[in-house]
């Protein structure tokens, strides 16, 4: 088994088939498909009855727990994630396996992607531009790695750990920070992922103040002892910047104690 394709899903029975079809369209690669149903209340389970997949159900615990369950069940030498609202383009898995053949020391790589928002293709802003190599400092500001675009060797998780299940959102940002602080992130510059956004059930709509969770992740990595002096300075600057944004937002909402909490990071 070369690749374990892990798809976490929650109440997306209507669009999950698109993601599955894009996996089964991958040619020249041996793979297994693992779908982790994170407590869906729609007819997801019924839609998957005849699919050639491994299906696991868990009570709703969030995407971090769903992906971690998938990792624990995976048998492939490589792990690839696909969000249930996205799709892979043909050749994605083969291109990444070739990348790892050409870069035997690399633990993780991602591909470029096409963005669709509200049914229309959009161009990412300059700040979202993906880069290859040591991207830790740029990754502090915002998430530069897409779960649907990555593939990693199994030993990646031995080095970095799993997704943090205590984070209800930004769990991927947290993992990529831990990874990019340790080693370079590979990039295939051809788009092999279609990433859809703008729909009502996106996690960013459920948690609009996403910087709160990014702040938690930066605090964690600052306390981890993993960072070199330059990384530590960059993380501290970003922590202060994001904390000030959240502090001002809390003040506007009249949440004085919350503002004082985030103000500590700004003044330190």
C-alpha atoms as a PDB file:
ATOM      1  CA  UNK A   1       0.000   0.000   0.000  1.00  0.00           C
ATOM      2  CA  UNK A   2       1.547   3.296  -1.097  1.00  0.00           C
ATOM      3  CA  UNK A   3      -0.893   5.976   0.058  1.00  0.00           C
ATOM      4  CA  UNK A   4      -3.629   6.284   2.662  1.00  0.00           C
ATOM      5  CA  UNK A   5      -6.118   8.946   1.562  1.00  0.00           C
ATOM      6  CA  UNK A   6      -7.921  10.291   4.629  1.00  0.00           C
ATOM      7  CA  UNK A   7     -11.172  12.246   4.238  1.00  0.00           C
ATOM      8  CA  UNK A   8     -12.762  13.726   7.383  1.00  0.00           C
ATOM      9  CA  UNK A   9     -16.387  14.720   6.873  1.00  0.00           C
ATOM     10  CA  UNK A  10     -19.331  16.169   8.744  1.00  0.00           C
ATOM     11  CA  UNK A  11     -22.816  16.520   7.273  1.00  0.00           C
ATOM     12  CA  UNK A  12     -21.597  16.749   3.682  1.00  0.00           C
ATOM     13  CA  UNK A  13     -23.408  13.816   2.105  1.00  0.00           C
ATOM     14  CA  UNK A  14     -24.347  15.974  -0.874  1.00  0.00           C
ATOM     15  CA  UNK A  15     -20.794  16.907  -1.875  1.00  0.00           C
ATOM     16  CA  UNK A  16     -18.731  14.038  -0.456  1.00  0.00           C
ATOM     17  CA  UNK A  17     -19.129  11.962  -3.664  1.00  0.00           C
ATOM     18  CA  UNK A  18     -17.187  14.616  -5.592  1.00  0.00           C
ATOM     19  CA  UNK A  19     -14.227  14.241  -3.244  1.00  0.00           C
ATOM     20  CA  UNK A  20     -14.381  10.437  -3.394  1.00  0.00           C
ATOM     21  CA  UNK A  21     -14.573  10.376  -7.187  1.00  0.00           C
ATOM     22  CA  UNK A  22     -11.464  12.549  -7.370  1.00  0.00           C
ATOM     23  CA  UNK A  23      -9.550  10.022  -5.255  1.00  0.00           C
ATOM     24  CA  UNK A  24     -10.665   7.031  -7.294  1.00  0.00           C
ATOM     25  CA  UNK A  25      -9.593   8.905 -10.439  1.00  0.00           C
ATOM     26  CA  UNK A  26      -5.958   8.725  -9.290  1.00  0.00           C
ATOM     27  CA  UNK A  27      -4.116   6.325 -11.607  1.00  0.00           C
ATOM     28  CA  UNK A  28      -0.890   4.370 -11.281  1.00  0.00           C
ATOM     29  CA  UNK A  29      -0.885   4.456  -7.473  1.00  0.00           C
ATOM     30  CA  UNK A  30      -1.973   1.879  -4.903  1.00  0.00           C
ATOM     31  CA  UNK A  31      -4.081   3.553  -2.261  1.00  0.00           C
ATOM     32  CA  UNK A  32      -6.715   3.024   0.387  1.00  0.00           C
ATOM     33  CA  UNK A  33      -9.525   5.456   1.144  1.00  0.00           C
ATOM     34  CA  UNK A  34     -10.416   6.173   4.759  1.00  0.00           C
ATOM     35  CA  UNK A  35     -13.506   8.272   5.479  1.00  0.00           C
ATOM     36  CA  UNK A  36     -13.923   9.455   9.063  1.00  0.00           C
ATOM     37  CA  UNK A  37     -17.470  10.589   9.763  1.00  0.00           C
ATOM     38  CA  UNK A  38     -17.267  13.146  12.563  1.00  0.00           C
ATOM     39  CA  UNK A  39     -20.773  12.614  13.923  1.00  0.00           C
ATOM     40  CA  UNK A  40     -22.834  13.448  10.821  1.00  0.00           C
ATOM     41  CA  UNK A  41     -26.600  13.642  11.277  1.00  0.00           C
ATOM     42  CA  UNK A  42     -27.418  13.575   7.551  1.00  0.00           C
ATOM     43  CA  UNK A  43     -27.377  10.481   5.311  1.00  0.00           C
ATOM     44  CA  UNK A  44     -23.592  10.304   4.941  1.00  0.00           C
ATOM     45  CA  UNK A  45     -23.433   6.691   6.158  1.00  0.00           C
ATOM     46  CA  UNK A  46     -26.137   5.581   3.707  1.00  0.00           C
ATOM     47  CA  UNK A  47     -24.367   7.274   0.801  1.00  0.00           C
ATOM     48  CA  UNK A  48     -21.203   5.296   1.560  1.00  0.00           C
ATOM     49  CA  UNK A  49     -22.693   1.805   1.937  1.00  0.00           C
ATOM     50  CA  UNK A  50     -21.498   0.524  -1.428  1.00  0.00           C
ATOM     51  CA  UNK A  51     -18.301   2.571  -1.681  1.00  0.00           C
ATOM     52  CA  UNK A  52     -14.958   0.777  -1.670  1.00  0.00           C
ATOM     53  CA  UNK A  53     -13.685   2.584   1.372  1.00  0.00           C
ATOM     54  CA  UNK A  54     -12.932   2.138   5.047  1.00  0.00           C
ATOM     55  CA  UNK A  55     -15.605   3.987   6.991  1.00  0.00           C
ATOM     56  CA  UNK A  56     -15.242   5.036  10.618  1.00  0.00           C
ATOM     57  CA  UNK A  57     -17.792   6.939  12.678  1.00  0.00           C
ATOM     58  CA  UNK A  58     -17.071   8.967  15.790  1.00  0.00           C
ATOM     59  CA  UNK A  59     -19.168  11.383  17.859  1.00  0.00           C
ATOM     60  CA  UNK A  60     -18.605  14.962  16.741  1.00  0.00           C
ATOM     61  CA  UNK A  61     -15.155  15.950  18.017  1.00  0.00           C
ATOM     62  CA  UNK A  62     -13.846  18.207  15.260  1.00  0.00           C
ATOM     63  CA  UNK A  63     -11.451  17.858  12.311  1.00  0.00           C
ATOM     64  CA  UNK A  64      -8.321  17.294  14.411  1.00  0.00           C
ATOM     65  CA  UNK A  65      -9.762  14.193  16.081  1.00  0.00           C
ATOM     66  CA  UNK A  66     -11.191  12.962  12.776  1.00  0.00           C
ATOM     67  CA  UNK A  67      -7.844  13.226  10.989  1.00  0.00           C
ATOM     68  CA  UNK A  68      -6.034  11.630  13.931  1.00  0.00           C
ATOM     69  CA  UNK A  69      -8.410   8.662  13.854  1.00  0.00           C
ATOM     70  CA  UNK A  70      -7.741   8.300  10.144  1.00  0.00           C
ATOM     71  CA  UNK A  71      -3.989   8.348  10.737  1.00  0.00           C
ATOM     72  CA  UNK A  72      -4.318   5.619  13.390  1.00  0.00           C
ATOM     73  CA  UNK A  73      -6.159   3.389  10.883  1.00  0.00           C
ATOM     74  CA  UNK A  74      -3.878   4.096   7.917  1.00  0.00           C
ATOM     75  CA  UNK A  75      -1.666   1.375   6.442  1.00  0.00           C
ATOM     76  CA  UNK A  76       0.038   3.337   3.680  1.00  0.00           C
ATOM     77  CA  UNK A  77       3.675   4.433   3.615  1.00  0.00           C
ATOM     78  CA  UNK A  78       2.418   7.920   2.812  1.00  0.00           C
ATOM     79  CA  UNK A  79      -0.536   9.900   4.194  1.00  0.00           C
ATOM     80  CA  UNK A  80      -2.627  12.340   2.154  1.00  0.00           C
ATOM     81  CA  UNK A  81      -5.607  14.334   3.390  1.00  0.00           C
ATOM     82  CA  UNK A  82      -8.585  15.568   1.419  1.00  0.00           C
ATOM     83  CA  UNK A  83     -11.238  17.820   2.936  1.00  0.00           C
ATOM     84  CA  UNK A  84     -14.671  16.561   1.984  1.00  0.00           C
ATOM     85  CA  UNK A  85     -15.579  19.839   0.216  1.00  0.00           C
ATOM     86  CA  UNK A  86     -12.462  19.794  -1.998  1.00  0.00           C
ATOM     87  CA  UNK A  87     -11.291  17.584  -4.846  1.00  0.00           C
ATOM     88  CA  UNK A  88      -8.019  16.291  -6.280  1.00  0.00           C
ATOM     89  CA  UNK A  89      -7.138  16.587  -9.934  1.00  0.00           C
ATOM     90  CA  UNK A  90      -5.849  13.519 -11.834  1.00  0.00           C
ATOM     91  CA  UNK A  91      -2.189  12.761 -11.237  1.00  0.00           C
ATOM     92  CA  UNK A  92      -1.979  14.360  -7.805  1.00  0.00           C
ATOM     93  CA  UNK A  93      -0.826  11.296  -5.878  1.00  0.00           C
ATOM     94  CA  UNK A  94       1.553  10.139  -8.621  1.00  0.00           C
ATOM     95  CA  UNK A  95       3.199  13.568  -8.789  1.00  0.00           C
ATOM     96  CA  UNK A  96       3.778  13.648  -5.047  1.00  0.00           C
ATOM     97  CA  UNK A  97       5.156  10.123  -4.924  1.00  0.00           C
ATOM     98  CA  UNK A  98       7.583  11.132  -7.674  1.00  0.00           C
ATOM     99  CA  UNK A  99       8.541  14.178  -5.606  1.00  0.00           C
ATOM    100  CA  UNK A 100       9.452  11.956  -2.676  1.00  0.00           C
ATOM    101  CA  UNK A 101      11.473   9.696  -4.964  1.00  0.00           C
ATOM    102  CA  UNK A 102      13.388  12.735  -6.190  1.00  0.00           C
ATOM    103  CA  UNK A 103      13.730  14.153  -2.654  1.00  0.00           C
ATOM    104  CA  UNK A 104      14.388  11.137  -0.398  1.00  0.00           C
ATOM    105  CA  UNK A 105      15.074  13.307   2.669  1.00  0.00           C
ATOM    106  CA  UNK A 106      11.814  15.256   2.433  1.00  0.00           C
ATOM    107  CA  UNK A 107       9.046  14.410   4.897  1.00  0.00           C
ATOM    108  CA  UNK A 108       6.224  16.542   3.494  1.00  0.00           C
ATOM    109  CA  UNK A 109       5.242  18.260   0.288  1.00  0.00           C
ATOM    110  CA  UNK A 110       2.173  20.042  -1.033  1.00  0.00           C
ATOM    111  CA  UNK A 111       0.913  21.061  -4.451  1.00  0.00           C
ATOM    112  CA  UNK A 112      -0.442  24.290  -5.800  1.00  0.00           C
ATOM    113  CA  UNK A 113      -4.220  24.616  -5.871  1.00  0.00           C
ATOM    114  CA  UNK A 114      -7.107  26.263  -7.668  1.00  0.00           C
ATOM    115  CA  UNK A 115      -9.456  28.364  -5.551  1.00  0.00           C
ATOM    116  CA  UNK A 116     -13.194  28.457  -6.175  1.00  0.00           C
ATOM    117  CA  UNK A 117     -15.259  30.899  -4.110  1.00  0.00           C
ATOM    118  CA  UNK A 118     -19.037  30.949  -4.424  1.00  0.00           C
ATOM    119  CA  UNK A 119     -18.790  29.085  -7.715  1.00  0.00           C
ATOM    120  CA  UNK A 120     -16.200  31.383  -9.314  1.00  0.00           C
ATOM    121  CA  UNK A 121     -12.465  30.956  -9.702  1.00  0.00           C
ATOM    122  CA  UNK A 122     -10.440  33.523  -7.777  1.00  0.00           C
ATOM    123  CA  UNK A 123      -6.738  34.299  -7.594  1.00  0.00           C
ATOM    124  CA  UNK A 124      -5.069  34.067  -4.171  1.00  0.00           C
ATOM    125  CA  UNK A 125      -3.615  37.297  -2.842  1.00  0.00           C
ATOM    126  CA  UNK A 126       0.144  37.815  -2.728  1.00  0.00           C
ATOM    127  CA  UNK A 127       0.229  36.996   0.994  1.00  0.00           C
ATOM    128  CA  UNK A 128      -1.171  33.514   0.238  1.00  0.00           C
ATOM    129  CA  UNK A 129       1.576  32.640  -2.267  1.00  0.00           C
ATOM    130  CA  UNK A 130       3.058  29.249  -1.485  1.00  0.00           C
ATOM    131  CA  UNK A 131       6.813  28.833  -1.206  1.00  0.00           C
ATOM    132  CA  UNK A 132       9.104  25.855  -0.907  1.00  0.00           C
ATOM    133  CA  UNK A 133      11.624  25.364   1.858  1.00  0.00           C
ATOM    134  CA  UNK A 134      11.879  26.983   5.274  1.00  0.00           C
ATOM    135  CA  UNK A 135       8.561  28.796   5.533  1.00  0.00           C
ATOM    136  CA  UNK A 136       8.136  29.028   9.313  1.00  0.00           C
ATOM    137  CA  UNK A 137       8.299  32.814   9.602  1.00  0.00           C
ATOM    138  CA  UNK A 138       5.783  33.382   6.781  1.00  0.00           C
ATOM    139  CA  UNK A 139       3.553  30.652   8.219  1.00  0.00           C
ATOM    140  CA  UNK A 140       3.185  32.574  11.469  1.00  0.00           C
ATOM    141  CA  UNK A 141       0.977  35.212   9.843  1.00  0.00           C
ATOM    142  CA  UNK A 142      -1.448  32.801   8.165  1.00  0.00           C
ATOM    143  CA  UNK A 143      -1.780  29.191   7.092  1.00  0.00           C
ATOM    144  CA  UNK A 144       0.334  28.559   3.985  1.00  0.00           C
ATOM    145  CA  UNK A 145      -0.208  24.810   3.809  1.00  0.00           C
ATOM    146  CA  UNK A 146      -3.483  23.292   2.664  1.00  0.00           C
ATOM    147  CA  UNK A 147      -4.563  19.962   4.194  1.00  0.00           C
ATOM    148  CA  UNK A 148      -6.036  18.860   0.860  1.00  0.00           C
ATOM    149  CA  UNK A 149      -2.722  19.537  -0.907  1.00  0.00           C
ATOM    150  CA  UNK A 150      -0.238  17.777   1.382  1.00  0.00           C
ATOM    151  CA  UNK A 151       1.295  14.350   1.409  1.00  0.00           C
ATOM    152  CA  UNK A 152       3.694  13.194   4.088  1.00  0.00           C
ATOM    153  CA  UNK A 153       5.705  10.141   4.977  1.00  0.00           C
ATOM    154  CA  UNK A 154       4.332   8.196   7.942  1.00  0.00           C
ATOM    155  CA  UNK A 155       7.373   9.132  10.033  1.00  0.00           C
ATOM    156  CA  UNK A 156       6.370  12.798   9.742  1.00  0.00           C
ATOM    157  CA  UNK A 157       3.981  12.286  12.651  1.00  0.00           C
ATOM    158  CA  UNK A 158       6.688  10.607  14.739  1.00  0.00           C
ATOM    159  CA  UNK A 159       8.697  13.809  14.399  1.00  0.00           C
ATOM    160  CA  UNK A 160       5.917  16.373  14.716  1.00  0.00           C
ATOM    161  CA  UNK A 161       3.062  14.706  16.568  1.00  0.00           C
ATOM    162  CA  UNK A 162      -0.615  14.584  15.625  1.00  0.00           C
ATOM    163  CA  UNK A 163      -3.220  17.313  15.223  1.00  0.00           C
ATOM    164  CA  UNK A 164      -4.024  19.084  18.501  1.00  0.00           C
ATOM    165  CA  UNK A 165      -7.543  17.941  19.419  1.00  0.00           C
ATOM    166  CA  UNK A 166      -7.904  20.749  21.953  1.00  0.00           C
ATOM    167  CA  UNK A 167      -8.113  23.250  19.087  1.00  0.00           C
ATOM    168  CA  UNK A 168     -11.635  23.533  17.603  1.00  0.00           C
ATOM    169  CA  UNK A 169     -10.167  25.404  14.610  1.00  0.00           C
ATOM    170  CA  UNK A 170      -6.717  26.250  13.169  1.00  0.00           C
ATOM    171  CA  UNK A 171      -5.541  22.737  14.061  1.00  0.00           C
ATOM    172  CA  UNK A 172      -3.806  22.575  10.683  1.00  0.00           C
ATOM    173  CA  UNK A 173      -2.058  25.938  11.265  1.00  0.00           C
ATOM    174  CA  UNK A 174      -0.782  24.518  14.553  1.00  0.00           C
ATOM    175  CA  UNK A 175       0.608  21.375  12.910  1.00  0.00           C
ATOM    176  CA  UNK A 176       2.277  23.244  10.045  1.00  0.00           C
ATOM    177  CA  UNK A 177       3.982  25.576  12.520  1.00  0.00           C
ATOM    178  CA  UNK A 178       5.446  22.604  14.358  1.00  0.00           C
ATOM    179  CA  UNK A 179       6.548  21.085  11.060  1.00  0.00           C
ATOM    180  CA  UNK A 180       7.979  24.175   9.365  1.00  0.00           C
ATOM    181  CA  UNK A 181      10.019  25.029  12.469  1.00  0.00           C
ATOM    182  CA  UNK A 182      11.823  21.683  12.120  1.00  0.00           C
ATOM    183  CA  UNK A 183      12.262  21.057   8.399  1.00  0.00           C
ATOM    184  CA  UNK A 184      11.507  22.459   4.935  1.00  0.00           C
ATOM    185  CA  UNK A 185       8.131  22.044   3.259  1.00  0.00           C
ATOM    186  CA  UNK A 186       8.243  20.772  -0.329  1.00  0.00           C
ATOM    187  CA  UNK A 187       6.139  22.241  -3.119  1.00  0.00           C
ATOM    188  CA  UNK A 188       4.955  21.036  -6.509  1.00  0.00           C
ATOM    189  CA  UNK A 189       4.125  24.194  -8.431  1.00  0.00           C
ATOM    190  CA  UNK A 190       1.423  22.601 -10.578  1.00  0.00           C
ATOM    191  CA  UNK A 191      -2.125  22.806  -9.159  1.00  0.00           C
ATOM    192  CA  UNK A 192      -3.493  19.370  -8.308  1.00  0.00           C
ATOM    193  CA  UNK A 193      -6.249  20.456  -5.902  1.00  0.00           C
ATOM    194  CA  UNK A 194      -9.490  22.355  -6.353  1.00  0.00           C
ATOM    195  CA  UNK A 195     -10.294  24.085  -3.099  1.00  0.00           C
ATOM    196  CA  UNK A 196     -13.861  25.296  -2.638  1.00  0.00           C
ATOM    197  CA  UNK A 197     -14.899  28.113  -0.334  1.00  0.00           C
ATOM    198  CA  UNK A 198     -17.743  30.446   0.444  1.00  0.00           C
ATOM    199  CA  UNK A 199     -20.237  27.790   1.507  1.00  0.00           C
ATOM    200  CA  UNK A 200     -22.273  28.128   4.689  1.00  0.00           C
ATOM    201  CA  UNK A 201     -20.672  25.294   6.687  1.00  0.00           C
ATOM    202  CA  UNK A 202     -17.072  26.445   6.423  1.00  0.00           C
ATOM    203  CA  UNK A 203     -15.286  26.336   9.760  1.00  0.00           C
ATOM    204  CA  UNK A 204     -14.106  29.924   9.384  1.00  0.00           C
ATOM    205  CA  UNK A 205     -17.747  31.017   9.581  1.00  0.00           C
ATOM    206  CA  UNK A 206     -18.340  28.973  12.709  1.00  0.00           C
ATOM    207  CA  UNK A 207     -15.263  30.515  14.353  1.00  0.00           C
ATOM    208  CA  UNK A 208     -14.917  34.063  12.955  1.00  0.00           C
ATOM    209  CA  UNK A 209     -12.172  35.157  15.419  1.00  0.00           C
ATOM    210  CA  UNK A 210      -9.651  32.610  14.141  1.00  0.00           C
ATOM    211  CA  UNK A 211      -6.648  34.518  15.505  1.00  0.00           C
ATOM    212  CA  UNK A 212      -7.565  33.356  19.026  1.00  0.00           C
ATOM    213  CA  UNK A 213      -6.603  29.814  18.046  1.00  0.00           C
ATOM    214  CA  UNK A 214      -3.510  30.937  16.156  1.00  0.00           C
ATOM    215  CA  UNK A 215      -2.425  32.763  19.299  1.00  0.00           C
ATOM    216  CA  UNK A 216      -2.770  29.518  21.265  1.00  0.00           C
ATOM    217  CA  UNK A 217      -0.575  27.752  18.721  1.00  0.00           C
ATOM    218  CA  UNK A 218       2.108  30.450  18.795  1.00  0.00           C
ATOM    219  CA  UNK A 219       2.159  30.409  22.599  1.00  0.00           C
ATOM    220  CA  UNK A 220       2.596  26.636  22.517  1.00  0.00           C
ATOM    221  CA  UNK A 221       5.499  26.664  20.110  1.00  0.00           C
ATOM    222  CA  UNK A 222       7.223  29.509  21.953  1.00  0.00           C
ATOM    223  CA  UNK A 223       7.110  27.383  25.094  1.00  0.00           C
ATOM    224  CA  UNK A 224       8.199  24.197  23.316  1.00  0.00           C
ATOM    225  CA  UNK A 225      11.924  24.914  23.150  1.00  0.00           C
ATOM    226  CA  UNK A 226      11.939  23.992  19.451  1.00  0.00           C
ATOM    227  CA  UNK A 227      12.663  27.430  18.027  1.00  0.00           C
ATOM    228  CA  UNK A 228      16.018  28.923  17.219  1.00  0.00           C
ATOM    229  CA  UNK A 229      16.630  32.566  18.269  1.00  0.00           C
ATOM    230  CA  UNK A 230      15.427  34.057  14.974  1.00  0.00           C
ATOM    231  CA  UNK A 231      12.308  31.905  14.904  1.00  0.00           C
ATOM    232  CA  UNK A 232      11.603  32.821  18.495  1.00  0.00           C
ATOM    233  CA  UNK A 233      11.823  36.560  17.744  1.00  0.00           C
ATOM    234  CA  UNK A 234       9.512  36.202  14.757  1.00  0.00           C
ATOM    235  CA  UNK A 235       6.990  34.187  16.778  1.00  0.00           C
ATOM    236  CA  UNK A 236       7.033  36.722  19.618  1.00  0.00           C
ATOM    237  CA  UNK A 237       6.421  39.598  17.167  1.00  0.00           C
ATOM    238  CA  UNK A 238       3.513  37.800  15.548  1.00  0.00           C
ATOM    239  CA  UNK A 239       2.067  36.853  18.937  1.00  0.00           C
ATOM    240  CA  UNK A 240       2.087  40.504  20.013  1.00  0.00           C
ATOM    241  CA  UNK A 241       0.531  41.625  16.719  1.00  0.00           C
ATOM    242  CA  UNK A 242      -2.281  39.077  16.744  1.00  0.00           C
ATOM    243  CA  UNK A 243      -2.922  39.576  20.451  1.00  0.00           C
ATOM    244  CA  UNK A 244      -3.374  43.312  19.901  1.00  0.00           C
ATOM    245  CA  UNK A 245      -5.926  42.653  17.160  1.00  0.00           C
ATOM    246  CA  UNK A 246      -7.901  40.319  19.417  1.00  0.00           C
ATOM    247  CA  UNK A 247      -7.546  42.708  22.390  1.00  0.00           C
ATOM    248  CA  UNK A 248      -9.029  45.602  20.429  1.00  0.00           C
ATOM    249  CA  UNK A 249     -11.870  43.391  19.227  1.00  0.00           C
ATOM    250  CA  UNK A 250     -12.638  42.337  22.780  1.00  0.00           C
ATOM    251  CA  UNK A 251     -12.704  45.966  23.919  1.00  0.00           C
ATOM    252  CA  UNK A 252     -15.202  46.841  21.185  1.00  0.00           C
ATOM    253  CA  UNK A 253     -17.459  44.054  22.430  1.00  0.00           C
ATOM    254  CA  UNK A 254     -17.092  45.201  26.034  1.00  0.00           C
ATOM    255  CA  UNK A 255     -15.213  42.068  27.134  1.00  0.00           C
ATOM    256  CA  UNK A 256     -12.741  43.730  29.486  1.00  0.00           C
ATOM    257  CA  UNK A 257     -11.251  40.586  31.058  1.00  0.00           C
ATOM    258  CA  UNK A 258     -10.626  39.055  27.646  1.00  0.00           C
ATOM    259  CA  UNK A 259      -8.963  42.283  26.503  1.00  0.00           C
ATOM    260  CA  UNK A 260      -6.736  42.281  29.582  1.00  0.00           C
ATOM    261  CA  UNK A 261      -5.735  38.661  28.943  1.00  0.00           C
ATOM    262  CA  UNK A 262      -4.600  39.360  25.382  1.00  0.00           C
ATOM    263  CA  UNK A 263      -3.035  42.630  26.465  1.00  0.00           C
ATOM    264  CA  UNK A 264      -0.491  40.695  28.510  1.00  0.00           C
ATOM    265  CA  UNK A 265       1.033  39.255  25.330  1.00  0.00           C
ATOM    266  CA  UNK A 266       1.179  42.702  23.752  1.00  0.00           C
ATOM    267  CA  UNK A 267       3.067  44.248  26.686  1.00  0.00           C
ATOM    268  CA  UNK A 268       5.444  41.329  27.292  1.00  0.00           C
END
